[in-house]
Amino acid sequence: MSDDLLLALETKLDKLILLCNRLQQENAELKTRESEWQRERVRLIEKNEVARSRVEAMITHLRNLDAE
């Protein structure tokens, strides 16, 4: 192989390595963000459940007041 060909191949490999590293970092960041969104989703579901329970309790209380 000629020096020019080896240099071109080395340059391409360096670019691929940089791209791979960048994609690995981006993937790790996306996984972190996904995990954060999942935790937020669970928290919001729990808050929604608490609110639903409170509304149901208020409705029951109002119905009981009406029945009196």
PDB file of N, CA and C in Angstrom:
ATOM      1  N   MET A   1       0.837  -1.192   0.000  1.00  0.00           N
ATOM      2  CA  MET A   1       0.000   0.000   0.000  1.00  0.00           C
ATOM      3  C   MET A   1       0.875   1.245   0.000  1.00  0.00           C
ATOM      4  N   SER A   2       0.406   2.228  -0.696  1.00  0.00           N
ATOM      5  CA  SER A   2       1.179   3.467  -0.742  1.00  0.00           C
ATOM      6  C   SER A   2       0.933   4.277   0.522  1.00  0.00           C
ATOM      7  N   ASP A   3       1.828   5.194   0.797  1.00  0.00           N
ATOM      8  CA  ASP A   3       1.703   6.055   1.974  1.00  0.00           C
ATOM      9  C   ASP A   3       0.430   6.882   1.919  1.00  0.00           C
ATOM     10  N   ASP A   4       0.070   7.354   0.726  1.00  0.00           N
ATOM     11  CA  ASP A   4      -1.144   8.173   0.576  1.00  0.00           C
ATOM     12  C   ASP A   4      -2.387   7.363   0.913  1.00  0.00           C
ATOM     13  N   LEU A   5      -2.403   6.117   0.466  1.00  0.00           N
ATOM     14  CA  LEU A   5      -3.552   5.255   0.726  1.00  0.00           C
ATOM     15  C   LEU A   5      -3.652   4.938   2.215  1.00  0.00           C
ATOM     16  N   LEU A   6      -2.516   4.656   2.829  1.00  0.00           N
ATOM     17  CA  LEU A   6      -2.505   4.384   4.267  1.00  0.00           C
ATOM     18  C   LEU A   6      -2.949   5.623   5.068  1.00  0.00           C
ATOM     19  N   LEU A   7      -2.496   6.781   4.655  1.00  0.00           N
ATOM     20  CA  LEU A   7      -2.881   8.014   5.327  1.00  0.00           C
ATOM     21  C   LEU A   7      -4.381   8.266   5.181  1.00  0.00           C
ATOM     22  N   ALA A   8      -4.922   8.013   4.008  1.00  0.00           N
ATOM     23  CA  ALA A   8      -6.358   8.194   3.785  1.00  0.00           C
ATOM     24  C   ALA A   8      -7.158   7.216   4.643  1.00  0.00           C
ATOM     25  N   LEU A   9      -6.685   5.979   4.712  1.00  0.00           N
ATOM     26  CA  LEU A   9      -7.353   4.967   5.531  1.00  0.00           C
ATOM     27  C   LEU A   9      -7.287   5.340   7.006  1.00  0.00           C
ATOM     28  N   GLU A  10      -6.124   5.794   7.439  1.00  0.00           N
ATOM     29  CA  GLU A  10      -5.966   6.216   8.832  1.00  0.00           C
ATOM     30  C   GLU A  10      -6.893   7.386   9.156  1.00  0.00           C
ATOM     31  N   THR A  11      -7.026   8.322   8.251  1.00  0.00           N
ATOM     32  CA  THR A  11      -7.908   9.470   8.448  1.00  0.00           C
ATOM     33  C   THR A  11      -9.358   9.018   8.566  1.00  0.00           C
ATOM     34  N   LYS A  12      -9.757   8.094   7.698  1.00  0.00           N
ATOM     35  CA  LYS A  12     -11.125   7.571   7.751  1.00  0.00           C
ATOM     36  C   LYS A  12     -11.383   6.842   9.068  1.00  0.00           C
ATOM     37  N   LEU A  13     -10.400   6.056   9.498  1.00  0.00           N
ATOM     38  CA  LEU A  13     -10.542   5.335  10.769  1.00  0.00           C
ATOM     39  C   LEU A  13     -10.642   6.310  11.946  1.00  0.00           C
ATOM     40  N   ASP A  14      -9.842   7.349  11.922  1.00  0.00           N
ATOM     41  CA  ASP A  14      -9.912   8.359  12.986  1.00  0.00           C
ATOM     42  C   ASP A  14     -11.291   9.003  13.033  1.00  0.00           C
ATOM     43  N   LYS A  15     -11.839   9.310  11.848  1.00  0.00           N
ATOM     44  CA  LYS A  15     -13.177   9.913  11.792  1.00  0.00           C
ATOM     45  C   LYS A  15     -14.230   8.946  12.315  1.00  0.00           C
ATOM     46  N   LEU A  16     -14.090   7.660  11.964  1.00  0.00           N
ATOM     47  CA  LEU A  16     -15.040   6.653  12.452  1.00  0.00           C
ATOM     48  C   LEU A  16     -14.958   6.495  13.970  1.00  0.00           C
ATOM     49  N   ILE A  17     -13.753   6.524  14.488  1.00  0.00           N
ATOM     50  CA  ILE A  17     -13.577   6.419  15.941  1.00  0.00           C
ATOM     51  C   ILE A  17     -14.209   7.614  16.639  1.00  0.00           C
ATOM     52  N   LEU A  18     -13.998   8.805  16.109  1.00  0.00           N
ATOM     53  CA  LEU A  18     -14.618  10.002  16.693  1.00  0.00           C
ATOM     54  C   LEU A  18     -16.137   9.921  16.623  1.00  0.00           C
ATOM     55  N   LEU A  19     -16.657   9.473  15.485  1.00  0.00           N
ATOM     56  CA  LEU A  19     -18.101   9.329  15.332  1.00  0.00           C
ATOM     57  C   LEU A  19     -18.655   8.307  16.320  1.00  0.00           C
ATOM     58  N   CYS A  20     -17.965   7.202  16.456  1.00  0.00           N
ATOM     59  CA  CYS A  20     -18.392   6.160  17.396  1.00  0.00           C
ATOM     60  C   CYS A  20     -18.408   6.695  18.825  1.00  0.00           C
ATOM     61  N   ASN A  21     -17.374   7.418  19.202  1.00  0.00           N
ATOM     62  CA  ASN A  21     -17.318   7.997  20.544  1.00  0.00           C
ATOM     63  C   ASN A  21     -18.451   8.996  20.768  1.00  0.00           C
ATOM     64  N   ARG A  22     -18.715   9.830  19.749  1.00  0.00           N
ATOM     65  CA  ARG A  22     -19.783  10.822  19.858  1.00  0.00           C
ATOM     66  C   ARG A  22     -21.139  10.130  19.986  1.00  0.00           C
ATOM     67  N   LEU A  23     -21.342   9.076  19.199  1.00  0.00           N
ATOM     68  CA  LEU A  23     -22.609   8.344  19.258  1.00  0.00           C
ATOM     69  C   LEU A  23     -22.775   7.616  20.592  1.00  0.00           C
ATOM     70  N   GLN A  24     -21.698   7.092  21.132  1.00  0.00           N
ATOM     71  CA  GLN A  24     -21.771   6.441  22.442  1.00  0.00           C
ATOM     72  C   GLN A  24     -22.145   7.453  23.519  1.00  0.00           C
ATOM     73  N   GLN A  25     -21.552   8.639  23.458  1.00  0.00           N
ATOM     74  CA  GLN A  25     -21.872   9.683  24.427  1.00  0.00           C
ATOM     75  C   GLN A  25     -23.334  10.126  24.277  1.00  0.00           C
ATOM     76  N   GLU A  26     -23.754  10.315  23.037  1.00  0.00           N
ATOM     77  CA  GLU A  26     -25.138  10.718  22.782  1.00  0.00           C
ATOM     78  C   GLU A  26     -26.109   9.642  23.269  1.00  0.00           C
ATOM     79  N   ASN A  27     -25.776   8.398  23.038  1.00  0.00           N
ATOM     80  CA  ASN A  27     -26.619   7.289  23.488  1.00  0.00           C
ATOM     81  C   ASN A  27     -26.725   7.275  25.009  1.00  0.00           C
ATOM     82  N   ALA A  28     -25.614   7.483  25.685  1.00  0.00           N
ATOM     83  CA  ALA A  28     -25.632   7.518  27.149  1.00  0.00           C
ATOM     84  C   ALA A  28     -26.500   8.673  27.651  1.00  0.00           C
ATOM     85  N   GLU A  29     -26.401   9.834  26.999  1.00  0.00           N
ATOM     86  CA  GLU A  29     -27.217  10.980  27.388  1.00  0.00           C
ATOM     87  C   GLU A  29     -28.699  10.699  27.153  1.00  0.00           C
ATOM     88  N   LEU A  30     -29.014  10.064  26.038  1.00  0.00           N
ATOM     89  CA  LEU A  30     -30.411   9.732  25.747  1.00  0.00           C
ATOM     90  C   LEU A  30     -30.965   8.732  26.750  1.00  0.00           C
ATOM     91  N   LYS A  31     -30.150   7.770  27.146  1.00  0.00           N
ATOM     92  CA  LYS A  31     -30.599   6.799  28.151  1.00  0.00           C
ATOM     93  C   LYS A  31     -30.860   7.491  29.488  1.00  0.00           C
ATOM     94  N   THR A  32     -29.998   8.444  29.834  1.00  0.00           N
ATOM     95  CA  THR A  32     -30.203   9.205  31.074  1.00  0.00           C
ATOM     96  C   THR A  32     -31.495   9.994  31.006  1.00  0.00           C
ATOM     97  N   ARG A  33     -31.720  10.671  29.881  1.00  0.00           N
ATOM     98  CA  ARG A  33     -32.951  11.449  29.716  1.00  0.00           C
ATOM     99  C   ARG A  33     -34.178  10.551  29.742  1.00  0.00           C
ATOM    100  N   GLU A  34     -34.076   9.378  29.123  1.00  0.00           N
ATOM    101  CA  GLU A  34     -35.204   8.442  29.130  1.00  0.00           C
ATOM    102  C   GLU A  34     -35.523   8.016  30.562  1.00  0.00           C
ATOM    103  N   SER A  35     -34.493   7.730  31.318  1.00  0.00           N
ATOM    104  CA  SER A  35     -34.676   7.329  32.707  1.00  0.00           C
ATOM    105  C   SER A  35     -35.346   8.448  33.514  1.00  0.00           C
ATOM    106  N   GLU A  36     -34.913   9.675  33.282  1.00  0.00           N
ATOM    107  CA  GLU A  36     -35.512  10.815  33.975  1.00  0.00           C
ATOM    108  C   GLU A  36     -36.982  10.974  33.596  1.00  0.00           C
ATOM    109  N   TRP A  37     -37.295  10.814  32.306  1.00  0.00           N
ATOM    110  CA  TRP A  37     -38.689  10.911  31.856  1.00  0.00           C
ATOM    111  C   TRP A  37     -39.531   9.802  32.472  1.00  0.00           C
ATOM    112  N   GLN A  38     -38.976   8.619  32.591  1.00  0.00           N
ATOM    113  CA  GLN A  38     -39.724   7.513  33.190  1.00  0.00           C
ATOM    114  C   GLN A  38     -40.009   7.781  34.661  1.00  0.00           C
ATOM    115  N   ARG A  39     -39.027   8.324  35.377  1.00  0.00           N
ATOM    116  CA  ARG A  39     -39.252   8.670  36.786  1.00  0.00           C
ATOM    117  C   ARG A  39     -40.311   9.763  36.906  1.00  0.00           C
ATOM    118  N   GLU A  40     -40.239  10.752  36.025  1.00  0.00           N
ATOM    119  CA  GLU A  40     -41.230  11.830  36.019  1.00  0.00           C
ATOM    120  C   GLU A  40     -42.624  11.278  35.719  1.00  0.00           C
ATOM    121  N   ARG A  41     -42.704  10.351  34.794  1.00  0.00           N
ATOM    122  CA  ARG A  41     -43.993   9.737  34.449  1.00  0.00           C
ATOM    123  C   ARG A  41     -44.588   9.018  35.652  1.00  0.00           C
ATOM    124  N   VAL A  42     -43.764   8.256  36.346  1.00  0.00           N
ATOM    125  CA  VAL A  42     -44.234   7.547  37.544  1.00  0.00           C
ATOM    126  C   VAL A  42     -44.720   8.543  38.595  1.00  0.00           C
ATOM    127  N   ARG A  43     -43.966   9.626  38.785  1.00  0.00           N
ATOM    128  CA  ARG A  43     -44.355  10.643  39.760  1.00  0.00           C
ATOM    129  C   ARG A  43     -45.686  11.280  39.383  1.00  0.00           C
ATOM    130  N   LEU A  44     -45.865  11.573  38.109  1.00  0.00           N
ATOM    131  CA  LEU A  44     -47.117  12.191  37.664  1.00  0.00           C
ATOM    132  C   LEU A  44     -48.295  11.229  37.774  1.00  0.00           C
ATOM    133  N   ILE A  45     -48.067   9.970  37.486  1.00  0.00           N
ATOM    134  CA  ILE A  45     -49.129   8.971  37.651  1.00  0.00           C
ATOM    135  C   ILE A  45     -49.544   8.893  39.114  1.00  0.00           C
ATOM    136  N   GLU A  46     -48.574   8.914  40.022  1.00  0.00           N
ATOM    137  CA  GLU A  46     -48.882   8.870  41.452  1.00  0.00           C
ATOM    138  C   GLU A  46     -49.663  10.109  41.875  1.00  0.00           C
ATOM    139  N   LYS A  47     -49.234  11.290  41.406  1.00  0.00           N
ATOM    140  CA  LYS A  47     -49.961  12.521  41.735  1.00  0.00           C
ATOM    141  C   LYS A  47     -51.384  12.479  41.192  1.00  0.00           C
ATOM    142  N   ASN A  48     -51.539  11.962  39.989  1.00  0.00           N
ATOM    143  CA  ASN A  48     -52.862  11.843  39.386  1.00  0.00           C
ATOM    144  C   ASN A  48     -53.749  10.914  40.205  1.00  0.00           C
ATOM    145  N   GLU A  49     -53.179   9.837  40.676  1.00  0.00           N
ATOM    146  CA  GLU A  49     -53.938   8.885  41.490  1.00  0.00           C
ATOM    147  C   GLU A  49     -54.383   9.524  42.806  1.00  0.00           C
ATOM    148  N   VAL A  50     -53.501  10.298  43.428  1.00  0.00           N
ATOM    149  CA  VAL A  50     -53.854  10.999  44.666  1.00  0.00           C
ATOM    150  C   VAL A  50     -54.978  11.994  44.400  1.00  0.00           C
ATOM    151  N   ALA A  51     -54.869  12.737  43.320  1.00  0.00           N
ATOM    152  CA  ALA A  51     -55.904  13.721  42.981  1.00  0.00           C
ATOM    153  C   ALA A  51     -57.229  13.020  42.702  1.00  0.00           C
ATOM    154  N   ARG A  52     -57.182  11.917  41.984  1.00  0.00           N
ATOM    155  CA  ARG A  52     -58.403  11.170  41.686  1.00  0.00           C
ATOM    156  C   ARG A  52     -59.061  10.677  42.964  1.00  0.00           C
ATOM    157  N   SER A  53     -58.261  10.170  43.878  1.00  0.00           N
ATOM    158  CA  SER A  53     -58.799   9.689  45.153  1.00  0.00           C
ATOM    159  C   SER A  53     -59.442  10.823  45.941  1.00  0.00           C
ATOM    160  N   ARG A  54     -58.809  11.982  45.940  1.00  0.00           N
ATOM    161  CA  ARG A  54     -59.364  13.130  46.656  1.00  0.00           C
ATOM    162  C   ARG A  54     -60.683  13.583  46.039  1.00  0.00           C
ATOM    163  N   VAL A  55     -60.735  13.618  44.720  1.00  0.00           N
ATOM    164  CA  VAL A  55     -61.974  14.016  44.042  1.00  0.00           C
ATOM    165  C   VAL A  55     -63.078  13.013  44.349  1.00  0.00           C
ATOM    166  N   GLU A  56     -62.764  11.743  44.298  1.00  0.00           N
ATOM    167  CA  GLU A  56     -63.760  10.721  44.621  1.00  0.00           C
ATOM    168  C   GLU A  56     -64.242  10.873  46.063  1.00  0.00           C
ATOM    169  N   ALA A  57     -63.327  11.168  46.975  1.00  0.00           N
ATOM    170  CA  ALA A  57     -63.708  11.363  48.372  1.00  0.00           C
ATOM    171  C   ALA A  57     -64.617  12.582  48.517  1.00  0.00           C
ATOM    172  N   MET A  58     -64.318  13.661  47.797  1.00  0.00           N
ATOM    173  CA  MET A  58     -65.160  14.857  47.852  1.00  0.00           C
ATOM    174  C   MET A  58     -66.548  14.575  47.287  1.00  0.00           C
ATOM    175  N   ILE A  59     -66.607  13.830  46.189  1.00  0.00           N
ATOM    176  CA  ILE A  59     -67.900  13.485  45.591  1.00  0.00           C
ATOM    177  C   ILE A  59     -68.721  12.650  46.563  1.00  0.00           C
ATOM    178  N   THR A  60     -68.082  11.679  47.187  1.00  0.00           N
ATOM    179  CA  THR A  60     -68.773  10.843  48.175  1.00  0.00           C
ATOM    180  C   THR A  60     -69.274  11.696  49.329  1.00  0.00           C
ATOM    181  N   HIS A  61     -68.439  12.598  49.802  1.00  0.00           N
ATOM    182  CA  HIS A  61     -68.824  13.480  50.904  1.00  0.00           C
ATOM    183  C   HIS A  61     -70.026  14.344  50.503  1.00  0.00           C
ATOM    184  N   LEU A  62     -69.998  14.912  49.294  1.00  0.00           N
ATOM    185  CA  LEU A  62     -71.104  15.747  48.823  1.00  0.00           C
ATOM    186  C   LEU A  62     -72.384  14.931  48.663  1.00  0.00           C
ATOM    187  N   ARG A  63     -72.282  13.733  48.190  1.00  0.00           N
ATOM    188  CA  ARG A  63     -73.457  12.856  48.066  1.00  0.00           C
ATOM    189  C   ARG A  63     -74.036  12.561  49.450  1.00  0.00           C
ATOM    190  N   ASN A  64     -73.156  12.325  50.416  1.00  0.00           N
ATOM    191  CA  ASN A  64     -73.626  12.056  51.779  1.00  0.00           C
ATOM    192  C   ASN A  64     -74.324  13.286  52.363  1.00  0.00           C
ATOM    193  N   LEU A  65     -73.817  14.463  52.063  1.00  0.00           N
ATOM    194  CA  LEU A  65     -74.457  15.698  52.542  1.00  0.00           C
ATOM    195  C   LEU A  65     -75.833  15.862  51.898  1.00  0.00           C
ATOM    196  N   ASP A  66     -75.934  15.521  50.628  1.00  0.00           N
ATOM    197  CA  ASP A  66     -77.214  15.609  49.916  1.00  0.00           C
ATOM    198  C   ASP A  66     -78.231  14.644  50.503  1.00  0.00           C
ATOM    199  N   ALA A  67     -77.767  13.486  50.915  1.00  0.00           N
ATOM    200  CA  ALA A  67     -78.668  12.452  51.442  1.00  0.00           C
ATOM    201  C   ALA A  67     -79.202  12.827  52.816  1.00  0.00           C
ATOM    202  N   GLU A  68     -78.523  13.707  53.506  1.00  0.00           N
ATOM    203  CA  GLU A  68     -78.963  14.059  54.868  1.00  0.00           C
ATOM    204  C   GLU A  68     -80.146  14.935  54.879  1.00  0.00           C
TER     205      GLU A  68
END
